[in-house]
PDB file of all heavy atoms in Angstrom:
ATOM      1  N   SER A   1    -122.236 -12.147-203.996  1.00  0.00           N
ATOM      2  CA  SER A   1    -120.856 -12.580-203.804  1.00  0.00           C
ATOM      3  C   SER A   1    -120.814 -14.089-203.944  1.00  0.00           C
ATOM      4  O   SER A   1    -121.688 -14.790-203.418  1.00  0.00           O
ATOM      5  CB  SER A   1    -120.397 -12.176-202.401  1.00  0.00           C
ATOM      6  OG  SER A   1    -119.295 -12.951-201.968  1.00  0.00           O
ATOM      7  N   ASP A   2    -119.804 -14.618-204.635  1.00  0.00           N
ATOM      8  CA  ASP A   2    -119.739 -16.074-204.741  1.00  0.00           C
ATOM      9  C   ASP A   2    -118.780 -16.686-203.722  1.00  0.00           C
ATOM     10  O   ASP A   2    -118.407 -17.855-203.852  1.00  0.00           O
ATOM     11  CB  ASP A   2    -119.440 -16.529-206.164  1.00  0.00           C
ATOM     12  CG  ASP A   2    -118.007 -16.266-206.611  1.00  0.00           C
ATOM     13  OD1 ASP A   2    -117.310 -15.488-205.941  1.00  0.00           O
ATOM     14  OD2 ASP A   2    -117.595 -16.840-207.633  1.00  0.00           O
ATOM     15  N   LEU A   3    -118.376 -15.924-202.695  1.00  0.00           N
ATOM     16  CA  LEU A   3    -117.751 -16.571-201.540  1.00  0.00           C
ATOM     17  C   LEU A   3    -118.781 -17.535-200.952  1.00  0.00           C
ATOM     18  O   LEU A   3    -119.970 -17.217-200.888  1.00  0.00           O
ATOM     19  CB  LEU A   3    -117.324 -15.536-200.505  1.00  0.00           C
ATOM     20  CG  LEU A   3    -116.294 -14.498-200.979  1.00  0.00           C
ATOM     21  CD1 LEU A   3    -115.840 -13.634-199.809  1.00  0.00           C
ATOM     22  CD2 LEU A   3    -115.103 -15.150-201.650  1.00  0.00           C
ATOM     23  N   GLU A   4    -118.350 -18.693-200.519  1.00  0.00           N
ATOM     24  CA  GLU A   4    -119.268 -19.796-200.227  1.00  0.00           C
ATOM     25  C   GLU A   4    -120.454 -19.398-199.345  1.00  0.00           C
ATOM     26  O   GLU A   4    -121.591 -19.787-199.608  1.00  0.00           O
ATOM     27  CB  GLU A   4    -118.518 -20.954-199.567  1.00  0.00           C
ATOM     28  CG  GLU A   4    -117.558 -21.685-200.475  1.00  0.00           C
ATOM     29  CD  GLU A   4    -116.128 -21.208-200.324  1.00  0.00           C
ATOM     30  OE1 GLU A   4    -115.919 -19.998-200.056  1.00  0.00           O
ATOM     31  OE2 GLU A   4    -115.213 -22.047-200.474  1.00  0.00           O
ATOM     32  N   ARG A   5    -120.187 -18.645-198.289  1.00  0.00           N
ATOM     33  CA  ARG A   5    -121.249 -18.327-197.339  1.00  0.00           C
ATOM     34  C   ARG A   5    -122.344 -17.458-197.951  1.00  0.00           C
ATOM     35  O   ARG A   5    -123.521 -17.610-197.629  1.00  0.00           O
ATOM     36  CB  ARG A   5    -120.657 -17.658-196.098  1.00  0.00           C
ATOM     37  CG  ARG A   5    -119.776 -16.428-196.370  1.00  0.00           C
ATOM     38  CD  ARG A   5    -118.936 -16.153-195.132  1.00  0.00           C
ATOM     39  NE  ARG A   5    -118.121 -14.940-195.206  1.00  0.00           N
ATOM     40  CZ  ARG A   5    -116.872 -14.906-195.667  1.00  0.00           C
ATOM     41  NH1 ARG A   5    -116.315 -16.019-196.149  1.00  0.00           N
ATOM     42  NH2 ARG A   5    -116.175 -13.779-195.649  1.00  0.00           N
ATOM     43  N   ALA A   6    -121.961 -16.553-198.854  1.00  0.00           N
ATOM     44  CA  ALA A   6    -122.950 -15.695-199.504  1.00  0.00           C
ATOM     45  C   ALA A   6    -123.658 -16.429-200.636  1.00  0.00           C
ATOM     46  O   ALA A   6    -124.882 -16.316-200.799  1.00  0.00           O
ATOM     47  CB  ALA A   6    -122.287 -14.428-200.018  1.00  0.00           C
ATOM     48  N   TRP A   7    -122.899 -17.177-201.426  1.00  0.00           N
ATOM     49  CA  TRP A   7    -123.509 -17.878-202.556  1.00  0.00           C
ATOM     50  C   TRP A   7    -124.484 -18.946-202.080  1.00  0.00           C
ATOM     51  O   TRP A   7    -125.568 -19.122-202.658  1.00  0.00           O
ATOM     52  CB  TRP A   7    -122.433 -18.475-203.452  1.00  0.00           C
ATOM     53  CG  TRP A   7    -122.975 -18.934-204.771  1.00  0.00           C
ATOM     54  CD1 TRP A   7    -123.209 -20.228-205.173  1.00  0.00           C
ATOM     55  CD2 TRP A   7    -123.381 -18.100-205.863  1.00  0.00           C
ATOM     56  NE1 TRP A   7    -123.728 -20.248-206.444  1.00  0.00           N
ATOM     57  CE2 TRP A   7    -123.844 -18.953-206.899  1.00  0.00           C
ATOM     58  CE3 TRP A   7    -123.401 -16.720-206.063  1.00  0.00           C
ATOM     59  CZ2 TRP A   7    -124.316 -18.468-208.113  1.00  0.00           C
ATOM     60  CZ3 TRP A   7    -123.866 -16.234-207.279  1.00  0.00           C
ATOM     61  CH2 TRP A   7    -124.321 -17.092-208.282  1.00  0.00           C
ATOM     62  N   GLU A   8    -124.134 -19.653-201.009  1.00  0.00           N
ATOM     63  CA  GLU A   8    -125.042 -20.652-200.456  1.00  0.00           C
ATOM     64  C   GLU A   8    -126.322 -19.981-199.967  1.00  0.00           C
ATOM     65  O   GLU A   8    -127.432 -20.485-200.194  1.00  0.00           O
ATOM     66  CB  GLU A   8    -124.368 -21.417-199.313  1.00  0.00           C
ATOM     67  CG  GLU A   8    -125.214 -22.546-198.752  1.00  0.00           C
ATOM     68  CD  GLU A   8    -124.527 -23.321-197.636  1.00  0.00           C
ATOM     69  OE1 GLU A   8    -123.393 -22.960-197.256  1.00  0.00           O
ATOM     70  OE2 GLU A   8    -125.145 -24.278-197.149  1.00  0.00           O
ATOM     71  N   THR A   9    -126.191 -18.842-199.322  1.00  0.00           N
ATOM     72  CA  THR A   9    -127.367 -18.086-198.878  1.00  0.00           C
ATOM     73  C   THR A   9    -128.235 -17.709-200.067  1.00  0.00           C
ATOM     74  O   THR A   9    -129.461 -17.879-200.052  1.00  0.00           O
ATOM     75  CB  THR A   9    -126.933 -16.817-198.130  1.00  0.00           C
ATOM     76  OG1 THR A   9    -126.143 -17.179-196.989  1.00  0.00           O
ATOM     77  CG2 THR A   9    -128.138 -16.004-197.668  1.00  0.00           C
ATOM     78  N   ALA A  10    -127.595 -17.206-201.123  1.00  0.00           N
ATOM     79  CA  ALA A  10    -128.335 -16.801-202.320  1.00  0.00           C
ATOM     80  C   ALA A  10    -129.056 -17.982-202.958  1.00  0.00           C
ATOM     81  O   ALA A  10    -130.207 -17.859-203.412  1.00  0.00           O
ATOM     82  CB  ALA A  10    -127.387 -16.149-203.314  1.00  0.00           C
ATOM     83  N   GLU A  11    -128.411 -19.125-203.004  1.00  0.00           N
ATOM     84  CA  GLU A  11    -129.044 -20.298-203.624  1.00  0.00           C
ATOM     85  C   GLU A  11    -130.231 -20.782-202.801  1.00  0.00           C
ATOM     86  O   GLU A  11    -131.254 -21.194-203.365  1.00  0.00           O
ATOM     87  CB  GLU A  11    -128.017 -21.414-203.789  1.00  0.00           C
ATOM     88  CG  GLU A  11    -126.994 -21.130-204.888  1.00  0.00           C
ATOM     89  CD  GLU A  11    -126.113 -22.315-205.186  1.00  0.00           C
ATOM     90  OE1 GLU A  11    -125.658 -22.981-204.224  1.00  0.00           O
ATOM     91  OE2 GLU A  11    -125.890 -22.597-206.379  1.00  0.00           O
ATOM     92  N   ILE A  12    -130.111 -20.732-201.471  1.00  0.00           N
ATOM     93  CA  ILE A  12    -131.239 -21.127-200.615  1.00  0.00           C
ATOM     94  C   ILE A  12    -132.417 -20.175-200.838  1.00  0.00           C
ATOM     95  O   ILE A  12    -133.564 -20.604-200.972  1.00  0.00           O
ATOM     96  CB  ILE A  12    -130.814 -21.147-199.138  1.00  0.00           C
ATOM     97  CG1 ILE A  12    -129.839 -22.302-198.880  1.00  0.00           C
ATOM     98  CG2 ILE A  12    -132.035 -21.262-198.217  1.00  0.00           C
ATOM     99  CD1 ILE A  12    -129.184 -22.291-197.518  1.00  0.00           C
ATOM    100  N   VAL A  13    -132.134 -18.894-200.897  1.00  0.00           N
ATOM    101  CA  VAL A  13    -133.184 -17.904-201.146  1.00  0.00           C
ATOM    102  C   VAL A  13    -133.797 -18.130-202.528  1.00  0.00           C
ATOM    103  O   VAL A  13    -135.028 -18.104-202.702  1.00  0.00           O
ATOM    104  CB  VAL A  13    -132.616 -16.473-201.029  1.00  0.00           C
ATOM    105  CG1 VAL A  13    -133.586 -15.443-201.607  1.00  0.00           C
ATOM    106  CG2 VAL A  13    -132.299 -16.152-199.579  1.00  0.00           C
ATOM    107  N   ASN A  14    -132.965 -18.399-203.511  1.00  0.00           N
ATOM    108  CA  ASN A  14    -133.462 -18.514-204.876  1.00  0.00           C
ATOM    109  C   ASN A  14    -134.236 -19.801-205.131  1.00  0.00           C
ATOM    110  O   ASN A  14    -134.965 -19.895-206.124  1.00  0.00           O
ATOM    111  CB  ASN A  14    -132.328 -18.367-205.879  1.00  0.00           C
ATOM    112  CG  ASN A  14    -132.827 -17.783-207.193  1.00  0.00           C
ATOM    113  OD1 ASN A  14    -133.760 -16.977-207.207  1.00  0.00           O
ATOM    114  ND2 ASN A  14    -132.218 -18.193-208.291  1.00  0.00           N
ATOM    115  N   ALA A  15    -134.110 -20.766-204.234  1.00  0.00           N
ATOM    116  CA  ALA A  15    -134.949 -21.953-204.354  1.00  0.00           C
ATOM    117  C   ALA A  15    -136.421 -21.571-204.208  1.00  0.00           C
ATOM    118  O   ALA A  15    -137.308 -22.249-204.755  1.00  0.00           O
ATOM    119  CB  ALA A  15    -134.564 -22.977-203.295  1.00  0.00           C
ATOM    120  N   GLU A  16    -136.687 -20.481-203.498  1.00  0.00           N
ATOM    121  CA  GLU A  16    -138.052 -19.972-203.349  1.00  0.00           C
ATOM    122  C   GLU A  16    -138.373 -18.868-204.357  1.00  0.00           C
ATOM    123  O   GLU A  16    -139.475 -18.798-204.891  1.00  0.00           O
ATOM    124  CB  GLU A  16    -138.262 -19.429-201.927  1.00  0.00           C
ATOM    125  CG  GLU A  16    -138.201 -20.466-200.840  1.00  0.00           C
ATOM    126  CD  GLU A  16    -139.420 -21.393-200.832  1.00  0.00           C
ATOM    127  OE1 GLU A  16    -140.446 -21.054-201.456  1.00  0.00           O
ATOM    128  OE2 GLU A  16    -139.338 -22.463-200.212  1.00  0.00           O
ATOM    129  N   CYS A  17    -137.403 -17.998-204.621  1.00  0.00           N
ATOM    130  CA  CYS A  17    -137.670 -16.805-205.439  1.00  0.00           C
ATOM    131  C   CYS A  17    -137.566 -17.052-206.937  1.00  0.00           C
ATOM    132  O   CYS A  17    -138.227 -16.383-207.725  1.00  0.00           O
ATOM    133  CB  CYS A  17    -136.727 -15.684-205.030  1.00  0.00           C
ATOM    134  SG  CYS A  17    -136.961 -15.129-203.322  1.00  0.00           S
ATOM    135  N   ARG A  18    -136.694 -17.969-207.345  1.00  0.00           N
ATOM    136  CA  ARG A  18    -136.551 -18.385-208.745  1.00  0.00           C
ATOM    137  C   ARG A  18    -136.337 -17.189-209.683  1.00  0.00           C
ATOM    138  O   ARG A  18    -137.127 -16.944-210.605  1.00  0.00           O
ATOM    139  CB  ARG A  18    -137.772 -19.205-209.181  1.00  0.00           C
ATOM    140  CG  ARG A  18    -137.966 -20.454-208.328  1.00  0.00           C
ATOM    141  CD  ARG A  18    -139.094 -21.338-208.813  1.00  0.00           C
ATOM    142  NE  ARG A  18    -139.268 -22.477-207.939  1.00  0.00           N
ATOM    143  CZ  ARG A  18    -138.534 -23.596-207.941  1.00  0.00           C
ATOM    144  NH1 ARG A  18    -137.529 -23.693-208.799  1.00  0.00           N
ATOM    145  NH2 ARG A  18    -138.790 -24.574-207.098  1.00  0.00           N
ATOM    146  N   LYS A  19    -135.264 -16.472-209.431  1.00  0.00           N
ATOM    147  CA  LYS A  19    -134.877 -15.325-210.246  1.00  0.00           C
ATOM    148  C   LYS A  19    -133.549 -15.616-210.935  1.00  0.00           C
ATOM    149  O   LYS A  19    -132.790 -16.493-210.495  1.00  0.00           O
ATOM    150  CB  LYS A  19    -134.720 -14.079-209.371  1.00  0.00           C
ATOM    151  CG  LYS A  19    -135.954 -13.695-208.567  1.00  0.00           C
ATOM    152  CD  LYS A  19    -137.036 -13.112-209.450  1.00  0.00           C
ATOM    153  CE  LYS A  19    -138.188 -12.585-208.584  1.00  0.00           C
ATOM    154  NZ  LYS A  19    -139.255 -12.002-209.404  1.00  0.00           N
ATOM    155  N   PRO A  20    -133.220 -14.886-211.995  1.00  0.00           N
ATOM    156  CA  PRO A  20    -131.858 -14.988-212.533  1.00  0.00           C
ATOM    157  C   PRO A  20    -130.844 -14.632-211.442  1.00  0.00           C
ATOM    158  O   PRO A  20    -131.056 -13.676-210.684  1.00  0.00           O
ATOM    159  CB  PRO A  20    -131.853 -13.952-213.657  1.00  0.00           C
ATOM    160  CG  PRO A  20    -133.290 -13.782-214.037  1.00  0.00           C
ATOM    161  CD  PRO A  20    -134.063 -13.952-212.763  1.00  0.00           C
ATOM    162  N   ILE A  21    -129.774 -15.400-211.366  1.00  0.00           N
ATOM    163  CA  ILE A  21    -128.778 -15.187-210.300  1.00  0.00           C
ATOM    164  C   ILE A  21    -127.399 -15.022-210.937  1.00  0.00           C
ATOM    165  O   ILE A  21    -127.034 -15.759-211.851  1.00  0.00           O
ATOM    166  CB  ILE A  21    -128.813 -16.340-209.271  1.00  0.00           C
ATOM    167  CG1 ILE A  21    -127.869 -16.073-208.094  1.00  0.00           C
ATOM    168  CG2 ILE A  21    -128.558 -17.680-209.914  1.00  0.00           C
ATOM    169  CD1 ILE A  21    -128.057 -17.036-206.926  1.00  0.00           C
ATOM    170  N   HIS A  22    -126.664 -14.021-210.463  1.00  0.00           N
ATOM    171  CA  HIS A  22    -125.385 -13.659-211.072  1.00  0.00           C
ATOM    172  C   HIS A  22    -124.320 -13.472-209.987  1.00  0.00           C
ATOM    173  O   HIS A  22    -124.628 -13.036-208.876  1.00  0.00           O
ATOM    174  CB  HIS A  22    -125.520 -12.352-211.856  1.00  0.00           C
ATOM    175  CG  HIS A  22    -126.645 -12.354-212.844  1.00  0.00           C
ATOM    176  ND1 HIS A  22    -126.539 -12.916-214.096  1.00  0.00           N
ATOM    177  CD2 HIS A  22    -127.910 -11.867-212.737  1.00  0.00           C
ATOM    178  CE1 HIS A  22    -127.688 -12.771-214.737  1.00  0.00           C
ATOM    179  NE2 HIS A  22    -128.541 -12.139-213.948  1.00  0.00           N
ATOM    180  N   LYS A  23    -123.074 -13.755-210.347  1.00  0.00           N
ATOM    181  CA  LYS A  23    -121.958 -13.538-209.430  1.00  0.00           C
ATOM    182  C   LYS A  23    -121.573 -12.062-209.415  1.00  0.00           C
ATOM    183  O   LYS A  23    -121.561 -11.398-210.449  1.00  0.00           O
ATOM    184  CB  LYS A  23    -120.756 -14.376-209.851  1.00  0.00           C
ATOM    185  CG  LYS A  23    -121.002 -15.871-209.738  1.00  0.00           C
ATOM    186  CD  LYS A  23    -119.789 -16.664-210.210  1.00  0.00           C
ATOM    187  CE  LYS A  23    -120.062 -18.165-210.094  1.00  0.00           C
ATOM    188  NZ  LYS A  23    -118.891 -18.961-210.545  1.00  0.00           N
ATOM    189  N   ALA A  24    -121.257 -11.568-208.218  1.00  0.00           N
ATOM    190  CA  ALA A  24    -120.848 -10.169-208.042  1.00  0.00           C
ATOM    191  C   ALA A  24    -119.499 -10.139-207.319  1.00  0.00           C
ATOM    192  O   ALA A  24    -119.432  -9.900-206.111  1.00  0.00           O
ATOM    193  CB  ALA A  24    -121.899  -9.398-207.248  1.00  0.00           C
ATOM    194  N   PRO A  25    -118.401 -10.385-208.044  1.00  0.00           N
ATOM    195  CA  PRO A  25    -117.090 -10.464-207.394  1.00  0.00           C
ATOM    196  C   PRO A  25    -116.641  -9.159-206.750  1.00  0.00           C
ATOM    197  O   PRO A  25    -115.789  -9.170-205.865  1.00  0.00           O
ATOM    198  CB  PRO A  25    -116.157 -10.876-208.540  1.00  0.00           C
ATOM    199  CG  PRO A  25    -116.868 -10.473-209.785  1.00  0.00           C
ATOM    200  CD  PRO A  25    -118.324 -10.655-209.491  1.00  0.00           C
ATOM    201  N   GLY A  26    -117.216  -8.024-207.160  1.00  0.00           N
ATOM    202  CA  GLY A  26    -116.863  -6.766-206.520  1.00  0.00           C
ATOM    203  C   GLY A  26    -117.408  -6.637-205.117  1.00  0.00           C
ATOM    204  O   GLY A  26    -117.027  -5.724-204.375  1.00  0.00           O
ATOM    205  N   LEU A  27    -118.290  -7.565-204.736  1.00  0.00           N
ATOM    206  CA  LEU A  27    -118.937  -7.490-203.426  1.00  0.00           C
ATOM    207  C   LEU A  27    -118.516  -8.623-202.500  1.00  0.00           C
ATOM    208  O   LEU A  27    -119.297  -9.116-201.693  1.00  0.00           O
ATOM    209  CB  LEU A  27    -120.466  -7.445-203.604  1.00  0.00           C
ATOM    210  CG  LEU A  27    -120.958  -6.170-204.294  1.00  0.00           C
ATOM    211  CD1 LEU A  27    -122.459  -6.248-204.558  1.00  0.00           C
ATOM    212  CD2 LEU A  27    -120.626  -4.930-203.470  1.00  0.00           C
ATOM    213  N   TYR A  28    -117.257  -9.023-202.605  1.00  0.00           N
ATOM    214  CA  TYR A  28    -116.687  -9.916-201.601  1.00  0.00           C
ATOM    215  C   TYR A  28    -116.516  -9.152-200.282  1.00  0.00           C
ATOM    216  O   TYR A  28    -116.451  -7.924-200.266  1.00  0.00           O
ATOM    217  CB  TYR A  28    -115.302 -10.407-202.026  1.00  0.00           C
ATOM    218  CG  TYR A  28    -115.264 -11.344-203.203  1.00  0.00           C
ATOM    219  CD1 TYR A  28    -114.055 -11.640-203.811  1.00  0.00           C
ATOM    220  CD2 TYR A  28    -116.413 -11.939-203.703  1.00  0.00           C
ATOM    221  CE1 TYR A  28    -113.988 -12.505-204.894  1.00  0.00           C
ATOM    222  CE2 TYR A  28    -116.352 -12.807-204.788  1.00  0.00           C
ATOM    223  CZ  TYR A  28    -115.144 -13.080-205.380  1.00  0.00           C
ATOM    224  OH  TYR A  28    -115.078 -13.929-206.450  1.00  0.00           O
ATOM    225  N   GLU A  29    -116.420  -9.904-199.199  1.00  0.00           N
ATOM    226  CA  GLU A  29    -116.067  -9.293-197.921  1.00  0.00           C
ATOM    227  C   GLU A  29    -114.640  -8.766-197.996  1.00  0.00           C
ATOM    228  O   GLU A  29    -113.872  -9.129-198.894  1.00  0.00           O
ATOM    229  CB  GLU A  29    -116.209 -10.323-196.793  1.00  0.00           C
ATOM    230  CG  GLU A  29    -115.941  -9.813-195.381  1.00  0.00           C
ATOM    231  CD  GLU A  29    -116.792  -8.627-194.973  1.00  0.00           C
ATOM    232  OE1 GLU A  29    -116.464  -7.487-195.414  1.00  0.00           O
ATOM    233  OE2 GLU A  29    -117.753  -8.816-194.216  1.00  0.00           O
ATOM    234  N   ARG A  30    -114.292  -7.895-197.090  1.00  0.00           N
ATOM    235  CA  ARG A  30    -112.934  -7.358-197.048  1.00  0.00           C
ATOM    236  C   ARG A  30    -111.926  -8.482-196.872  1.00  0.00           C
ATOM    237  O   ARG A  30    -112.147  -9.425-196.098  1.00  0.00           O
ATOM    238  CB  ARG A  30    -112.808  -6.355-195.899  1.00  0.00           C
ATOM    239  CG  ARG A  30    -111.436  -5.684-195.821  1.00  0.00           C
ATOM    240  CD  ARG A  30    -111.462  -4.559-194.820  1.00  0.00           C
ATOM    241  NE  ARG A  30    -110.129  -4.001-194.578  1.00  0.00           N
ATOM    242  CZ  ARG A  30    -109.885  -3.016-193.720  1.00  0.00           C
ATOM    243  NH1 ARG A  30    -110.877  -2.481-193.032  1.00  0.00           N
ATOM    244  NH2 ARG A  30    -108.649  -2.563-193.549  1.00  0.00           N
ATOM    245  N   ASN A  31    -110.836  -8.395-197.588  1.00  0.00           N
ATOM    246  CA  ASN A  31    -109.739  -9.353-197.438  1.00  0.00           C
ATOM    247  C   ASN A  31    -108.908  -8.922-196.238  1.00  0.00           C
ATOM    248  O   ASN A  31    -108.196  -7.912-196.292  1.00  0.00           O
ATOM    249  CB  ASN A  31    -108.895  -9.377-198.711  1.00  0.00           C
ATOM    250  CG  ASN A  31    -107.746 -10.352-198.625  1.00  0.00           C
ATOM    251  OD1 ASN A  31    -107.485 -10.931-197.579  1.00  0.00           O
ATOM    252  ND2 ASN A  31    -107.046 -10.537-199.725  1.00  0.00           N
ATOM    253  N   TRP A  32    -108.994  -9.699-195.175  1.00  0.00           N
ATOM    254  CA  TRP A  32    -108.301  -9.344-193.931  1.00  0.00           C
ATOM    255  C   TRP A  32    -106.887  -9.887-193.858  1.00  0.00           C
ATOM    256  O   TRP A  32    -106.202  -9.710-192.849  1.00  0.00           O
ATOM    257  CB  TRP A  32    -109.125  -9.819-192.730  1.00  0.00           C
ATOM    258  CG  TRP A  32    -110.384  -9.032-192.550  1.00  0.00           C
ATOM    259  CD1 TRP A  32    -111.656  -9.410-192.847  1.00  0.00           C
ATOM    260  CD2 TRP A  32    -110.485  -7.692-192.042  1.00  0.00           C
ATOM    261  NE1 TRP A  32    -112.543  -8.405-192.551  1.00  0.00           N
ATOM    262  CE2 TRP A  32    -111.854  -7.344-192.056  1.00  0.00           C
ATOM    263  CE3 TRP A  32    -109.549  -6.764-191.574  1.00  0.00           C
ATOM    264  CZ2 TRP A  32    -112.308  -6.095-191.620  1.00  0.00           C
ATOM    265  CZ3 TRP A  32    -110.001  -5.525-191.141  1.00  0.00           C
ATOM    266  CH2 TRP A  32    -111.365  -5.201-191.166  1.00  0.00           C
ATOM    267  N   GLY A  33    -106.441 -10.560-194.908  1.00  0.00           N
ATOM    268  CA  GLY A  33    -105.045 -10.987-194.980  1.00  0.00           C
ATOM    269  C   GLY A  33    -104.585 -11.755-193.758  1.00  0.00           C
ATOM    270  O   GLY A  33    -105.212 -12.738-193.344  1.00  0.00           O
ATOM    271  N   ASP A  34    -103.491 -11.286-193.164  1.00  0.00           N
ATOM    272  CA  ASP A  34    -102.872 -11.990-192.039  1.00  0.00           C
ATOM    273  C   ASP A  34    -103.724 -11.956-190.775  1.00  0.00           C
ATOM    274  O   ASP A  34    -103.438 -12.688-189.823  1.00  0.00           O
ATOM    275  CB  ASP A  34    -101.499 -11.376-191.729  1.00  0.00           C
ATOM    276  CG  ASP A  34    -100.512 -11.543-192.876  1.00  0.00           C
ATOM    277  OD1 ASP A  34    -100.769 -12.384-193.754  1.00  0.00           O
ATOM    278  OD2 ASP A  34     -99.496 -10.813-192.895  1.00  0.00           O
ATOM    279  N   TRP A  35    -104.746 -11.108-190.750  1.00  0.00           N
ATOM    280  CA  TRP A  35    -105.602 -11.033-189.569  1.00  0.00           C
ATOM    281  C   TRP A  35    -106.670 -12.124-189.558  1.00  0.00           C
ATOM    282  O   TRP A  35    -107.288 -12.363-188.522  1.00  0.00           O
ATOM    283  CB  TRP A  35    -106.281  -9.678-189.486  1.00  0.00           C
ATOM    284  CG  TRP A  35    -105.345  -8.534-189.226  1.00  0.00           C
ATOM    285  CD1 TRP A  35    -103.988  -8.583-189.139  1.00  0.00           C
ATOM    286  CD2 TRP A  35    -105.702  -7.164-189.026  1.00  0.00           C
ATOM    287  NE1 TRP A  35    -103.472  -7.335-188.912  1.00  0.00           N
ATOM    288  CE2 TRP A  35    -104.507  -6.441-188.837  1.00  0.00           C
ATOM    289  CE3 TRP A  35    -106.910  -6.475-189.014  1.00  0.00           C
ATOM    290  CZ2 TRP A  35    -104.493  -5.064-188.615  1.00  0.00           C
ATOM    291  CZ3 TRP A  35    -106.907  -5.113-188.795  1.00  0.00           C
ATOM    292  CH2 TRP A  35    -105.716  -4.413-188.594  1.00  0.00           C
ATOM    293  N   ALA A  36    -106.923 -12.760-190.689  1.00  0.00           N
ATOM    294  CA  ALA A  36    -107.943 -13.808-190.761  1.00  0.00           C
ATOM    295  C   ALA A  36    -107.617 -14.913-189.761  1.00  0.00           C
ATOM    296  O   ALA A  36    -106.464 -15.318-189.601  1.00  0.00           O
ATOM    297  CB  ALA A  36    -108.021 -14.369-192.170  1.00  0.00           C
ATOM    298  N   GLY A  37    -108.641 -15.387-189.079  1.00  0.00           N
ATOM    299  CA  GLY A  37    -108.473 -16.427-188.074  1.00  0.00           C
ATOM    300  C   GLY A  37    -108.305 -15.897-186.664  1.00  0.00           C
ATOM    301  O   GLY A  37    -108.389 -16.661-185.702  1.00  0.00           O
ATOM    302  N   GLN A  38    -108.071 -14.599-186.532  1.00  0.00           N
ATOM    303  CA  GLN A  38    -107.953 -13.989-185.206  1.00  0.00           C
ATOM    304  C   GLN A  38    -109.331 -13.580-184.696  1.00  0.00           C
ATOM    305  O   GLN A  38    -110.319 -13.572-185.437  1.00  0.00           O
ATOM    306  CB  GLN A  38    -107.030 -12.769-185.265  1.00  0.00           C
ATOM    307  CG  GLN A  38    -105.619 -13.067-185.730  1.00  0.00           C
ATOM    308  CD  GLN A  38    -104.767 -11.805-185.818  1.00  0.00           C
ATOM    309  OE1 GLN A  38    -105.065 -10.785-185.214  1.00  0.00           O
ATOM    310  NE2 GLN A  38    -103.695 -11.880-186.599  1.00  0.00           N
ATOM    311  N   SER A  39    -109.396 -13.193-183.433  1.00  0.00           N
ATOM    312  CA  SER A  39    -110.653 -12.708-182.860  1.00  0.00           C
ATOM    313  C   SER A  39    -111.078 -11.421-183.550  1.00  0.00           C
ATOM    314  O   SER A  39    -110.247 -10.570-183.874  1.00  0.00           O
ATOM    315  CB  SER A  39    -110.474 -12.441-181.361  1.00  0.00           C
ATOM    316  OG  SER A  39    -111.610 -11.770-180.835  1.00  0.00           O
ATOM    317  N   ASN A  40    -112.394 -11.287-183.772  1.00  0.00           N
ATOM    318  CA  ASN A  40    -112.881 -10.038-184.355  1.00  0.00           C
ATOM    319  C   ASN A  40    -113.402  -9.063-183.305  1.00  0.00           C
ATOM    320  O   ASN A  40    -113.941  -8.001-183.639  1.00  0.00           O
ATOM    321  CB  ASN A  40    -113.953 -10.306-185.420  1.00  0.00           C
ATOM    322  CG  ASN A  40    -115.248 -10.869-184.838  1.00  0.00           C
ATOM    323  OD1 ASN A  40    -115.487 -10.850-183.626  1.00  0.00           O
ATOM    324  ND2 ASN A  40    -116.096 -11.381-185.714  1.00  0.00           N
ATOM    325  N   VAL A  41    -113.256  -9.422-182.043  1.00  0.00           N
ATOM    326  CA  VAL A  41    -113.626  -8.502-180.970  1.00  0.00           C
ATOM    327  C   VAL A  41    -112.652  -7.320-181.016  1.00  0.00           C
ATOM    328  O   VAL A  41    -111.435  -7.509-181.060  1.00  0.00           O
ATOM    329  CB  VAL A  41    -113.589  -9.203-179.599  1.00  0.00           C
ATOM    330  CG1 VAL A  41    -113.889  -8.203-178.478  1.00  0.00           C
ATOM    331  CG2 VAL A  41    -114.583 -10.354-179.573  1.00  0.00           C
ATOM    332  N   ASP A  42    -113.190  -6.115-181.036  1.00  0.00           N
ATOM    333  CA  ASP A  42    -112.379  -4.889-181.144  1.00  0.00           C
ATOM    334  C   ASP A  42    -111.571  -4.851-182.439  1.00  0.00           C
ATOM    335  O   ASP A  42    -110.457  -4.320-182.478  1.00  0.00           O
ATOM    336  CB  ASP A  42    -111.433  -4.743-179.940  1.00  0.00           C
ATOM    337  CG  ASP A  42    -112.185  -4.621-178.618  1.00  0.00           C
ATOM    338  OD1 ASP A  42    -113.247  -3.976-178.614  1.00  0.00           O
ATOM    339  OD2 ASP A  42    -111.710  -5.182-177.617  1.00  0.00           O
ATOM    340  N   LEU A  43    -112.127  -5.409-183.510  1.00  0.00           N
ATOM    341  CA  LEU A  43    -111.464  -5.394-184.810  1.00  0.00           C
ATOM    342  C   LEU A  43    -111.218  -3.956-185.256  1.00  0.00           C
ATOM    343  O   LEU A  43    -112.116  -3.115-185.225  1.00  0.00           O
ATOM    344  CB  LEU A  43    -112.340  -6.112-185.835  1.00  0.00           C
ATOM    345  CG  LEU A  43    -111.880  -6.113-187.294  1.00  0.00           C
ATOM    346  CD1 LEU A  43    -110.514  -6.767-187.428  1.00  0.00           C
ATOM    347  CD2 LEU A  43    -112.913  -6.821-188.159  1.00  0.00           C
ATOM    348  N   ASP A  44    -109.997  -3.671-185.687  1.00  0.00           N
ATOM    349  CA  ASP A  44    -109.616  -2.327-186.115  1.00  0.00           C
ATOM    350  C   ASP A  44    -109.896  -2.174-187.608  1.00  0.00           C
ATOM    351  O   ASP A  44    -109.046  -2.448-188.444  1.00  0.00           O
ATOM    352  CB  ASP A  44    -108.132  -2.088-185.814  1.00  0.00           C
ATOM    353  CG  ASP A  44    -107.670  -0.703-186.251  1.00  0.00           C
ATOM    354  OD1 ASP A  44    -108.532   0.142-186.583  1.00  0.00           O
ATOM    355  OD2 ASP A  44    -106.448  -0.471-186.258  1.00  0.00           O
ATOM    356  N   TRP A  45    -111.094  -1.699-187.938  1.00  0.00           N
ATOM    357  CA  TRP A  45    -111.472  -1.543-189.331  1.00  0.00           C
ATOM    358  C   TRP A  45    -110.598  -0.517-190.042  1.00  0.00           C
ATOM    359  O   TRP A  45    -110.442  -0.570-191.260  1.00  0.00           O
ATOM    360  CB  TRP A  45    -112.946  -1.141-189.433  1.00  0.00           C
ATOM    361  CG  TRP A  45    -113.862  -2.322-189.386  1.00  0.00           C
ATOM    362  CD1 TRP A  45    -114.293  -2.984-188.276  1.00  0.00           C
ATOM    363  CD2 TRP A  45    -114.451  -2.986-190.500  1.00  0.00           C
ATOM    364  NE1 TRP A  45    -115.109  -4.025-188.630  1.00  0.00           N
ATOM    365  CE2 TRP A  45    -115.226  -4.045-189.989  1.00  0.00           C
ATOM    366  CE3 TRP A  45    -114.406  -2.780-191.867  1.00  0.00           C
ATOM    367  CZ2 TRP A  45    -115.949  -4.904-190.820  1.00  0.00           C
ATOM    368  CZ3 TRP A  45    -115.127  -3.629-192.694  1.00  0.00           C
ATOM    369  CH2 TRP A  45    -115.888  -4.686-192.168  1.00  0.00           C
TER     370      TRP A  45
END
């Protein structure tokens, strides 16, 4: 996923692994829309 938190993780890992790296836009986290920024305790999936 090229959302910042995942892509940064991938780049840190790849500094050691040195593999071809590709974006996977189908694997973004769920878009929580208007719920973003609220507490995730008891989140209604």
